[in-house]
N, C-alpha and C. Protein backbone atom coordinates (compact mmCIF):
# COMPACT_ATOMS: atom_id res chain seq x y z
N SER A 1 44.50 52.08 84.82
CA SER A 1 45.70 51.97 84.80
C SER A 1 46.21 53.45 84.70
N SER A 2 47.08 53.94 85.02
CA SER A 2 47.35 55.43 85.17
C SER A 2 48.03 56.02 83.57
N ASP A 3 47.45 57.46 83.18
CA ASP A 3 48.09 58.10 81.87
C ASP A 3 49.31 58.15 81.91
N GLY A 4 49.45 58.57 83.10
CA GLY A 4 50.93 59.12 83.55
C GLY A 4 50.95 60.81 83.74
N GLY A 5 49.57 61.36 83.36
CA GLY A 5 49.50 62.65 83.29
C GLY A 5 49.46 63.53 84.75
N GLY A 6 49.93 62.93 85.99
CA GLY A 6 50.12 63.73 86.92
C GLY A 6 48.80 63.63 87.82
N ASP A 7 48.07 64.94 87.85
CA ASP A 7 46.58 64.99 88.76
C ASP A 7 45.66 64.51 87.87
N SER A 8 45.94 64.28 86.90
CA SER A 8 44.48 63.70 85.65
C SER A 8 44.26 62.50 85.92
N ALA A 9 42.74 61.93 85.90
CA ALA A 9 42.39 60.93 85.94
C ALA A 9 42.59 59.90 84.39
N PRO A 10 42.30 58.65 85.19
CA PRO A 10 43.32 57.78 83.98
C PRO A 10 42.26 57.79 82.58
N ALA A 11 42.84 57.76 81.38
CA ALA A 11 42.05 57.13 80.00
C ALA A 11 41.72 56.29 80.14
N ALA A 12 40.02 55.99 79.87
CA ALA A 12 38.98 54.90 79.76
C ALA A 12 39.52 54.43 78.54
N ALA A 13 39.63 52.95 78.43
CA ALA A 13 39.31 52.41 76.94
C ALA A 13 37.77 52.69 76.30
N LEU A 14 38.35 53.13 74.73
CA LEU A 14 36.96 53.47 73.95
C LEU A 14 35.68 52.28 74.14
N ILE A 15 36.41 51.20 74.13
CA ILE A 15 35.19 50.04 73.84
C ILE A 15 35.89 48.87 75.20
N SER A 16 35.00 48.82 76.21
CA SER A 16 35.47 47.89 77.40
C SER A 16 34.33 46.89 77.34
N GLY A 17 33.68 46.63 76.63
CA GLY A 17 32.75 45.20 76.98
C GLY A 17 31.37 45.49 78.09
N VAL A 18 30.39 44.24 77.82
CA VAL A 18 29.20 44.44 78.37
C VAL A 18 29.31 44.20 79.79
N GLY A 19 30.66 43.56 80.64
CA GLY A 19 30.46 43.16 81.94
C GLY A 19 31.04 41.69 81.94
N ASN A 20 31.04 41.40 82.94
CA ASN A 20 31.46 39.43 83.38
C ASN A 20 32.40 39.26 82.32
N GLY A 21 33.06 39.99 81.76
CA GLY A 21 34.47 39.80 81.00
C GLY A 21 33.82 39.29 79.73
N ARG A 22 32.61 40.02 79.09
CA ARG A 22 32.07 39.60 78.09
C ARG A 22 32.34 40.60 76.91
N PHE A 23 32.37 40.65 75.81
CA PHE A 23 32.21 41.70 74.52
C PHE A 23 30.94 41.57 73.57
N ASP A 24 30.44 40.38 73.80
CA ASP A 24 29.37 40.43 72.91
C ASP A 24 28.86 41.20 71.81
N PRO A 25 30.29 41.17 70.76
CA PRO A 25 29.94 41.78 69.58
C PRO A 25 28.89 41.88 68.35
N ASP A 26 28.34 40.96 68.58
CA ASP A 26 27.05 40.79 67.89
C ASP A 26 25.38 41.42 68.55
N ALA A 27 25.90 41.78 69.64
CA ALA A 27 24.81 42.55 69.84
C ALA A 27 24.31 43.99 69.36
N LYS A 28 23.39 44.46 69.66
CA LYS A 28 22.61 45.79 69.03
C LYS A 28 23.54 46.46 70.30
N ILE A 29 23.47 47.87 70.16
CA ILE A 29 24.56 48.94 70.70
C ILE A 29 23.15 49.59 71.27
N SER A 30 23.29 50.32 72.37
CA SER A 30 22.33 50.97 72.97
C SER A 30 23.20 52.17 73.01
N LEU A 31 21.53 53.45 73.17
CA LEU A 31 22.29 55.09 72.78
C LEU A 31 23.41 55.17 73.98
N ALA A 32 23.13 54.38 75.33
CA ALA A 32 24.38 54.77 76.13
C ALA A 32 25.44 54.30 75.90
N GLN A 33 25.48 53.17 75.20
CA GLN A 33 27.23 52.46 74.81
C GLN A 33 27.44 53.59 73.83
N ALA A 34 26.92 53.89 72.94
CA ALA A 34 27.36 54.54 71.46
C ALA A 34 27.70 56.14 72.57
N ALA A 35 26.88 56.75 72.82
CA ALA A 35 27.22 57.74 73.56
C ALA A 35 28.77 57.66 74.34
N THR A 36 29.05 56.49 75.17
CA THR A 36 30.05 56.30 75.95
C THR A 36 31.33 56.25 75.28
N ILE A 37 31.20 55.52 74.04
CA ILE A 37 32.40 55.73 73.19
C ILE A 37 32.51 56.91 72.30
N LEU A 38 31.94 57.64 71.96
CA LEU A 38 32.19 58.39 71.31
C LEU A 38 32.46 59.83 72.59
N ILE A 39 31.98 59.63 74.07
CA ILE A 39 32.62 60.72 74.78
C ILE A 39 34.08 60.34 74.70
N ARG A 40 34.45 59.33 74.71
CA ARG A 40 35.83 58.42 74.96
C ARG A 40 36.47 58.82 73.79
N VAL A 41 35.73 58.83 72.53
CA VAL A 41 36.78 59.42 71.28
C VAL A 41 36.78 61.04 71.73
N LEU A 42 35.90 61.73 71.89
CA LEU A 42 35.79 63.65 71.97
C LEU A 42 37.56 63.69 73.21
N GLY A 43 37.86 62.66 74.06
CA GLY A 43 38.53 62.86 75.05
C GLY A 43 38.39 63.51 76.28
N TYR A 44 37.39 63.00 76.84
CA TYR A 44 36.70 63.00 78.29
C TYR A 44 37.10 62.14 79.47
N ASN A 45 37.76 62.35 80.20
CA ASN A 45 38.05 61.18 80.97
C ASN A 45 37.22 60.99 82.33
N THR A 46 37.60 59.79 83.29
CA THR A 46 36.47 59.43 83.97
C THR A 46 35.95 60.36 84.94
N GLN A 47 37.25 61.25 85.37
CA GLN A 47 36.72 62.46 86.36
C GLN A 47 36.01 63.49 86.03
N GLN A 48 35.91 63.71 84.83
CA GLN A 48 35.27 64.74 84.01
C GLN A 48 33.83 64.58 83.43
N VAL A 49 33.32 62.97 83.45
CA VAL A 49 32.01 62.54 83.06
C VAL A 49 31.70 62.07 84.55
N GLY A 50 31.77 61.54 85.37
CA GLY A 50 31.42 61.22 86.36
C GLY A 50 31.55 59.32 86.67
N ALA A 51 31.05 59.32 87.75
CA ALA A 51 31.43 57.51 87.94
C ALA A 51 30.38 56.50 87.83
N VAL A 52 28.91 57.34 87.60
CA VAL A 52 27.41 56.46 87.64
C VAL A 52 26.98 56.25 86.13
N TRP A 53 27.37 54.89 85.56
CA TRP A 53 26.73 54.82 84.18
C TRP A 53 25.56 54.31 83.83
N PRO A 54 24.86 54.42 83.17
CA PRO A 54 25.04 55.39 82.09
C PRO A 54 25.08 56.84 82.52
N GLU A 55 24.31 57.03 83.94
CA GLU A 55 23.54 58.26 84.11
C GLU A 55 24.34 59.50 83.58
N SER A 56 25.61 59.50 84.16
CA SER A 56 26.86 60.47 83.90
C SER A 56 26.97 60.78 82.80
N TYR A 57 27.16 59.69 81.90
CA TYR A 57 27.57 59.86 80.77
C TYR A 57 26.66 60.73 79.72
N MET A 58 25.09 60.08 79.80
CA MET A 58 23.86 60.77 79.35
C MET A 58 23.88 61.91 79.76
N ASN A 59 24.48 62.50 80.97
CA ASN A 59 23.94 63.96 81.41
C ASN A 59 25.27 64.51 80.31
N LEU A 60 26.33 64.23 80.40
CA LEU A 60 27.46 64.89 79.52
C LEU A 60 27.38 64.64 78.26
N ALA A 61 26.83 63.84 77.28
CA ALA A 61 26.34 63.79 76.04
C ALA A 61 25.43 64.59 76.14
N ALA A 62 23.99 64.90 76.80
CA ALA A 62 23.09 65.87 76.08
C ALA A 62 23.68 67.18 76.30
N SER A 63 24.56 67.57 77.96
CA SER A 63 25.00 69.15 77.54
C SER A 63 25.88 69.11 76.96
N ILE A 64 26.60 68.70 75.82
CA ILE A 64 27.87 69.23 74.86
C ILE A 64 26.85 68.80 73.34
N GLY A 65 25.29 68.53 73.86
CA GLY A 65 24.83 68.15 72.09
C GLY A 65 25.08 67.02 71.65
N LEU A 66 25.64 66.11 71.99
CA LEU A 66 26.07 65.14 71.76
C LEU A 66 24.62 64.23 71.06
N THR A 67 23.45 64.37 72.10
CA THR A 67 22.37 63.17 71.39
C THR A 67 21.13 64.24 71.49
N ASP A 68 21.60 65.38 70.50
CA ASP A 68 20.97 66.30 70.10
C ASP A 68 19.74 65.27 68.88
N GLY A 69 18.60 65.72 68.66
CA GLY A 69 17.98 65.25 67.64
C GLY A 69 17.90 63.02 67.39
N VAL A 70 18.49 62.99 68.70
CA VAL A 70 18.04 61.49 69.04
C VAL A 70 17.08 60.72 69.97
N ASN A 71 16.03 60.54 69.41
CA ASN A 71 14.74 60.51 70.62
C ASN A 71 15.36 58.38 71.00
N ALA A 72 16.00 58.50 72.33
CA ALA A 72 15.74 57.04 72.33
C ALA A 72 15.99 56.76 73.73
N GLY A 73 15.74 55.82 74.60
CA GLY A 73 16.46 55.59 76.01
C GLY A 73 17.84 55.25 75.62
N ALA A 74 18.16 55.48 77.32
CA ALA A 74 19.52 54.93 77.69
C ALA A 74 20.09 53.54 77.36
N TYR A 75 19.20 52.68 77.14
CA TYR A 75 18.94 51.29 77.32
C TYR A 75 18.26 50.72 75.79
N SER A 76 18.12 51.67 75.19
CA SER A 76 17.60 51.32 73.83
C SER A 76 18.14 51.25 72.69
N PRO A 77 18.13 50.38 71.80
CA PRO A 77 19.15 49.76 70.83
C PRO A 77 18.55 51.02 69.70
N ILE A 78 20.29 51.56 69.05
CA ILE A 78 19.47 52.59 68.22
C ILE A 78 19.87 52.19 66.79
N THR A 79 19.64 53.23 65.95
CA THR A 79 19.39 52.57 64.45
C THR A 79 20.28 53.19 63.82
N ARG A 80 20.46 52.79 62.56
CA ARG A 80 21.50 53.18 61.95
C ARG A 80 21.59 54.82 61.79
N ALA A 81 20.65 55.38 61.55
CA ALA A 81 20.13 56.94 61.55
C ALA A 81 20.94 57.44 62.36
N GLN A 82 20.29 56.75 63.96
CA GLN A 82 20.38 57.71 64.86
C GLN A 82 21.73 57.47 65.29
N ALA A 83 22.57 56.09 64.71
CA ALA A 83 23.99 55.95 65.14
C ALA A 83 24.84 57.48 64.37
N ALA A 84 24.69 57.50 62.82
CA ALA A 84 24.75 59.04 62.23
C ALA A 84 24.48 60.33 62.77
N GLN A 85 23.54 60.02 63.20
CA GLN A 85 23.06 61.61 63.78
C GLN A 85 24.21 61.99 65.09
N LEU A 86 24.42 60.46 65.60
CA LEU A 86 25.49 61.15 66.59
C LEU A 86 27.10 61.27 66.32
N PHE A 87 27.30 60.69 65.41
CA PHE A 87 28.66 61.21 64.61
C PHE A 87 28.22 62.60 64.30
N VAL A 88 27.34 62.73 63.09
CA VAL A 88 27.22 64.40 63.05
C VAL A 88 27.44 65.10 63.73
N ASN A 89 26.51 65.02 65.07
CA ASN A 89 26.87 65.71 66.50
C ASN A 89 28.40 65.95 66.70
N ALA A 90 28.80 64.97 67.06
CA ALA A 90 30.12 64.84 67.73
C ALA A 90 31.25 65.28 66.68
N LEU A 91 30.98 65.77 65.67
CA LEU A 91 31.46 66.44 65.08
C LEU A 91 31.73 68.16 65.37
N THR A 92 30.73 68.73 65.79
CA THR A 92 30.82 69.82 66.85
C THR A 92 30.86 70.19 68.10
N CYS A 93 30.76 68.90 68.68
CA CYS A 93 31.12 69.12 70.20
C CYS A 93 32.46 69.23 70.75
N LYS A 94 32.27 69.83 72.20
CA LYS A 94 33.89 70.28 72.73
C LYS A 94 34.34 68.93 73.07
N THR A 95 35.78 69.01 72.70
CA THR A 95 36.48 67.66 73.36
C THR A 95 37.05 68.13 74.60
N GLY A 96 37.14 66.61 75.51
CA GLY A 96 37.53 67.18 77.17
C GLY A 96 38.13 68.32 77.85
N GLU A 97 39.09 68.57 76.36
CA GLU A 97 40.09 69.67 76.79
C GLU A 97 39.38 70.94 76.11
N GLY A 98 38.11 71.19 75.45
CA GLY A 98 37.83 72.38 75.45
C GLY A 98 37.76 73.09 74.07
N SER A 99 38.15 71.78 73.39
CA SER A 99 38.17 72.68 71.64
C SER A 99 37.00 71.80 70.96
N ASP A 100 36.67 72.29 69.85
CA ASP A 100 36.01 71.69 68.91
C ASP A 100 36.26 70.45 68.28
N TYR A 101 35.54 69.43 68.06
CA TYR A 101 36.13 68.17 67.53
C TYR A 101 36.58 68.02 66.15
N TYR A 102 35.94 68.41 65.40
CA TYR A 102 36.27 68.80 64.02
C TYR A 102 38.01 69.65 63.61
N LYS A 103 37.87 70.51 64.51
CA LYS A 103 39.48 71.43 64.55
C LYS A 103 40.21 70.08 64.57
N GLY A 104 40.45 69.19 65.63
CA GLY A 104 41.50 68.18 65.38
C GLY A 104 41.81 67.36 64.44
N LEU A 105 40.86 67.18 63.20
CA LEU A 105 40.78 66.60 62.61
C LEU A 105 41.44 66.64 61.09
N GLY A 106 41.95 68.29 61.18
CA GLY A 106 42.57 68.78 59.96
C GLY A 106 43.11 69.91 60.23
N SER A 107 42.62 70.47 58.74
CA SER A 107 42.73 72.33 58.86
C SER A 107 41.47 72.37 58.43
N ALA A 108 41.02 73.95 59.44
CA ALA A 108 39.83 74.14 59.73
C ALA A 108 39.41 75.07 58.58
N LYS A 109 38.68 75.33 57.47
CA LYS A 109 38.14 76.74 56.77
C LYS A 109 37.00 76.91 57.30
N SER A 110 36.53 77.87 57.67
CA SER A 110 34.91 78.34 57.87
C SER A 110 34.58 78.97 56.74
N ASP A 111 33.27 79.21 56.87
CA ASP A 111 32.45 80.17 56.16
C ASP A 111 32.77 79.88 54.67
N VAL A 112 33.24 78.60 54.17
CA VAL A 112 33.01 77.62 52.82
C VAL A 112 31.81 77.28 51.95
N VAL A 113 31.29 77.55 51.00
CA VAL A 113 29.50 76.46 50.39
C VAL A 113 30.39 75.84 49.49
N LEU A 114 29.52 74.66 49.69
CA LEU A 114 29.62 74.00 48.77
C LEU A 114 28.96 74.07 47.63
N LEU A 115 29.63 74.20 46.33
CA LEU A 115 29.11 74.27 45.43
C LEU A 115 28.72 73.51 44.57
N ALA A 116 29.30 72.05 43.71
CA ALA A 116 28.94 71.28 43.55
C ALA A 116 29.46 70.51 43.59
N VAL A 117 29.00 69.25 43.34
CA VAL A 117 30.09 67.68 43.86
C VAL A 117 29.83 66.92 42.47
N ASN A 118 31.00 66.01 42.57
CA ASN A 118 31.16 64.86 41.27
C ASN A 118 31.20 65.81 40.47
N VAL A 119 32.27 66.96 40.02
CA VAL A 119 32.74 67.99 39.16
C VAL A 119 33.39 67.04 38.03
N ASP A 120 34.52 66.58 38.84
CA ASP A 120 35.35 65.84 37.72
C ASP A 120 36.37 64.48 38.87
N ARG A 121 36.22 63.46 38.35
CA ARG A 121 36.67 62.17 39.63
C ARG A 121 36.26 62.22 40.73
N GLY A 122 34.89 62.87 41.10
CA GLY A 122 34.45 62.58 42.17
C GLY A 122 34.75 64.02 42.86
N ALA A 123 35.53 64.90 42.18
CA ALA A 123 35.95 66.37 43.38
C ALA A 123 34.36 66.83 43.39
N ILE A 124 34.55 67.96 44.36
CA ILE A 124 33.63 68.52 45.48
C ILE A 124 34.30 70.08 44.85
N ARG A 125 33.36 70.80 44.55
CA ARG A 125 34.27 72.24 44.34
C ARG A 125 33.20 73.30 44.91
N THR A 126 33.94 73.81 46.08
CA THR A 126 33.72 74.75 47.29
C THR A 126 33.93 76.36 46.48
N SER A 127 33.23 77.08 47.44
CA SER A 127 33.90 78.71 47.57
C SER A 127 35.43 78.90 47.66
N ASP A 128 36.11 78.14 48.35
CA ASP A 128 37.43 78.06 48.65
C ASP A 128 38.10 77.29 47.25
N GLY A 129 37.63 76.59 46.46
CA GLY A 129 38.63 76.28 45.35
C GLY A 129 37.64 74.53 45.21
N THR A 130 38.77 73.48 44.43
CA THR A 130 38.15 72.16 43.96
C THR A 130 39.11 71.17 45.16
N TYR A 131 38.01 70.48 45.53
CA TYR A 131 38.99 69.32 46.58
C TYR A 131 38.53 68.10 46.02
N LEU A 132 39.30 66.94 46.36
CA LEU A 132 38.88 65.63 46.24
C LEU A 132 38.28 65.05 47.78
N PRO A 133 37.39 64.00 47.86
CA PRO A 133 37.30 63.97 49.26
C PRO A 133 37.98 62.73 49.49
N LYS A 134 38.33 62.53 50.91
CA LYS A 134 39.31 61.45 51.09
C LYS A 134 39.09 59.80 50.81
N ALA A 135 37.91 59.92 50.43
CA ALA A 135 37.67 58.77 50.49
C ALA A 135 36.93 58.52 49.18
N ASN A 136 36.74 57.15 48.16
CA ASN A 136 36.13 57.42 47.37
C ASN A 136 34.75 57.39 47.21
N ASN A 137 33.75 57.60 46.14
CA ASN A 137 32.70 57.64 46.12
C ASN A 137 31.67 58.02 47.32
N VAL A 138 32.12 59.31 47.54
CA VAL A 138 31.73 60.26 48.64
C VAL A 138 30.92 61.41 47.58
N THR A 139 29.73 61.52 48.13
CA THR A 139 28.86 62.40 47.38
C THR A 139 27.70 62.85 48.19
N PRO A 140 28.34 63.74 48.85
CA PRO A 140 27.43 64.66 49.95
C PRO A 140 26.09 65.35 49.33
N THR A 141 25.12 65.14 48.52
CA THR A 141 24.55 66.04 47.17
C THR A 141 23.52 66.94 48.35
N GLY A 142 23.53 65.95 49.77
CA GLY A 142 22.33 67.09 50.45
C GLY A 142 22.97 68.36 51.23
N LEU A 143 24.32 68.18 51.25
CA LEU A 143 25.12 69.38 51.64
C LEU A 143 24.87 70.12 50.41
N GLN A 144 24.79 70.40 49.14
CA GLN A 144 25.22 71.13 48.32
C GLN A 144 24.54 72.03 48.60
N GLY A 145 25.19 73.87 48.60
CA GLY A 145 24.41 74.94 48.79
C GLY A 145 24.93 74.94 50.11
N ARG A 146 25.33 74.19 51.10
CA ARG A 146 25.17 74.22 52.28
C ARG A 146 26.42 75.22 52.80
N ARG A 147 26.40 76.45 53.54
CA ARG A 147 27.52 76.80 54.16
C ARG A 147 28.35 76.58 55.46
N GLY A 148 29.54 76.15 55.59
CA GLY A 148 29.87 75.64 57.25
C GLY A 148 31.47 75.85 57.02
N THR A 149 32.05 74.79 57.62
CA THR A 149 33.57 74.23 57.95
C THR A 149 34.20 73.23 56.90
N LEU A 150 34.89 73.26 56.39
CA LEU A 150 35.45 72.57 55.56
C LEU A 150 36.73 72.17 56.17
N VAL A 151 36.64 70.80 56.16
CA VAL A 151 38.24 70.44 57.29
C VAL A 151 39.07 69.07 56.27
N THR A 152 40.29 69.98 55.66
CA THR A 152 41.22 69.03 54.57
C THR A 152 42.32 68.47 55.80
N ASN A 153 42.89 67.40 54.99
CA ASN A 153 44.15 67.02 55.24
C ASN A 153 45.28 67.56 54.95
N ASP A 154 46.53 67.18 55.23
CA ASP A 154 47.47 67.56 54.55
C ASP A 154 47.72 67.34 53.10
N LYS A 155 46.74 66.79 52.82
CA LYS A 155 47.07 66.17 51.50
C LYS A 155 46.19 67.06 50.56
N GLN A 156 45.28 67.73 51.41
CA GLN A 156 44.22 69.02 50.42
C GLN A 156 43.47 68.09 50.42
N GLU A 157 42.62 67.07 50.75
CA GLU A 157 41.51 65.90 50.67
C GLU A 157 40.45 66.66 51.66
N ILE A 158 39.50 66.37 51.13
CA ILE A 158 38.28 66.59 52.47
C ILE A 158 38.23 65.73 53.31
N VAL A 159 38.56 66.02 54.76
CA VAL A 159 38.08 65.33 55.54
C VAL A 159 36.86 65.34 55.91
N SER A 160 35.86 66.25 56.20
CA SER A 160 34.91 66.83 56.54
C SER A 160 34.38 67.80 56.46
N PHE A 161 33.05 67.91 56.59
CA PHE A 161 32.20 69.04 56.02
C PHE A 161 30.97 69.34 57.06
N VAL A 162 31.05 70.66 58.54
CA VAL A 162 30.25 70.57 58.93
C VAL A 162 29.68 71.70 58.93
N PRO A 163 28.41 71.74 58.34
CA PRO A 163 27.15 73.10 57.79
C PRO A 163 27.22 73.59 59.24
N ASP A 164 26.79 75.25 58.74
CA ASP A 164 26.44 75.95 59.83
C ASP A 164 24.97 75.87 59.56
N ASP A 165 24.10 76.70 60.25
CA ASP A 165 22.62 77.04 60.66
C ASP A 165 22.37 77.77 59.74
N SER A 166 22.85 78.66 58.40
CA SER A 166 22.14 79.28 57.90
C SER A 166 21.09 78.26 56.73
N THR A 167 20.49 79.21 56.12
CA THR A 167 19.77 77.99 55.19
C THR A 167 20.19 78.29 53.96
N ALA A 168 19.82 77.57 52.86
CA ALA A 168 20.23 77.78 51.65
C ALA A 168 18.84 77.75 50.65
N THR A 169 19.18 78.67 49.51
CA THR A 169 17.93 79.08 49.02
C THR A 169 17.78 78.68 47.32
N THR A 170 17.08 77.66 46.43
CA THR A 170 17.82 77.54 45.30
C THR A 170 16.46 78.40 44.38
N VAL A 171 17.19 78.74 43.09
CA VAL A 171 16.37 80.04 42.86
C VAL A 171 16.20 79.44 41.35
N THR A 172 15.44 79.70 40.52
CA THR A 172 15.66 78.90 38.93
C THR A 172 15.40 80.72 38.39
N LEU A 173 16.37 80.83 37.40
CA LEU A 173 17.05 82.51 37.00
C LEU A 173 15.95 82.85 35.97
N SER A 174 15.22 83.98 36.18
CA SER A 174 14.45 84.33 34.90
C SER A 174 15.06 85.01 33.80
N ALA A 175 16.51 85.28 34.45
CA ALA A 175 17.20 86.18 33.22
C ALA A 175 18.72 85.82 33.85
N ASP A 176 19.32 86.41 33.14
CA ASP A 176 21.11 86.36 33.20
C ASP A 176 21.34 87.48 34.95
N ALA A 177 22.23 86.58 35.84
CA ALA A 177 22.09 86.58 36.99
C ALA A 177 23.12 88.57 37.08
N GLN A 178 23.10 89.12 37.41
CA GLN A 178 23.65 90.28 37.45
C GLN A 178 24.71 90.39 38.62
N ALA A 179 25.76 91.38 38.78
CA ALA A 179 27.20 91.47 39.69
C ALA A 179 26.62 91.42 40.90
N ALA A 180 25.38 92.37 41.03
CA ALA A 180 24.91 92.21 42.47
C ALA A 180 23.55 92.04 43.15
N TYR A 181 22.98 91.08 42.10
CA TYR A 181 21.82 90.77 42.57
C TYR A 181 21.62 89.44 41.24
N LEU A 182 20.19 88.60 41.83
CA LEU A 182 19.79 87.89 39.96
C LEU A 182 17.80 88.06 40.61
N LYS A 183 17.37 87.66 39.75
CA LYS A 183 16.28 87.57 39.63
C LYS A 183 15.57 85.85 39.71
N GLY A 184 14.51 85.50 40.36
CA GLY A 184 14.03 83.95 39.66
C GLY A 184 13.01 84.09 39.36
N THR A 185 12.68 83.27 38.82
CA THR A 185 10.93 83.00 37.96
C THR A 185 9.90 83.53 38.58
N ASP A 186 9.82 83.52 39.93
CA ASP A 186 9.20 83.83 40.90
C ASP A 186 8.93 85.27 41.05
N GLY A 187 9.63 86.11 40.07
CA GLY A 187 9.85 87.40 40.51
C GLY A 187 10.45 87.98 41.64
N LYS A 188 11.20 87.52 42.41
CA LYS A 188 11.36 87.84 43.41
C LYS A 188 12.99 88.23 43.04
N GLN A 189 13.82 89.19 43.72
CA GLN A 189 14.99 89.45 43.17
C GLN A 189 15.63 89.35 44.57
N TYR A 190 16.93 88.98 44.65
CA TYR A 190 17.92 88.08 45.17
C TYR A 190 19.24 89.15 45.59
N THR A 191 19.48 90.10 46.52
CA THR A 191 20.80 90.66 46.44
C THR A 191 22.10 89.97 46.55
N ILE A 192 22.96 90.14 45.92
CA ILE A 192 24.22 89.17 46.34
C ILE A 192 25.33 89.95 46.84
N SER A 193 25.84 89.52 48.13
CA SER A 193 26.80 90.50 48.76
C SER A 193 27.92 90.53 48.21
N GLY A 194 28.94 91.33 48.11
CA GLY A 194 29.98 91.22 47.97
C GLY A 194 30.98 90.24 48.58
N SER A 195 30.65 89.73 50.25
CA SER A 195 31.50 88.41 50.84
C SER A 195 31.11 87.09 50.32
């Protein structure tokens, strides 16, 4: 079917089944199938991807970083961990129109640090303020201390957090922190920039 967009290729369904008129909902999903679904979610059309499945989908997935950190063959079933990695990767992938996918999920605020989680009714305190996650019982403690981009919806609820490639350092204080620096029990002094 045509999407009515003139010269653009028709949009593909997100999930189209396994062939021969079968859907097979209880089957394990392969890396190629999962990548294909996410490439379609990212808004790529068949003209941008290519006609050969799964090779053209796998090539595009690799070129946009969708399969980074996922070690599996195209036809291999993926684990929950590998699926989670694909979803995380998708956040920072470019869409078919060339924009960062996460920017389409809400308002994006960059250079935000997650300071504390579950501070009040599940709230997450950031360097930009305190927010509630969009879903209940979301506790991204593994992201505490990380810097990245915070994505919020129109109700100021956290939709996503996309960590950047900076590193976090945990310091146990040996004395009170000063305005421009702090000292750890290891004797090392850490400078705190004004920004």
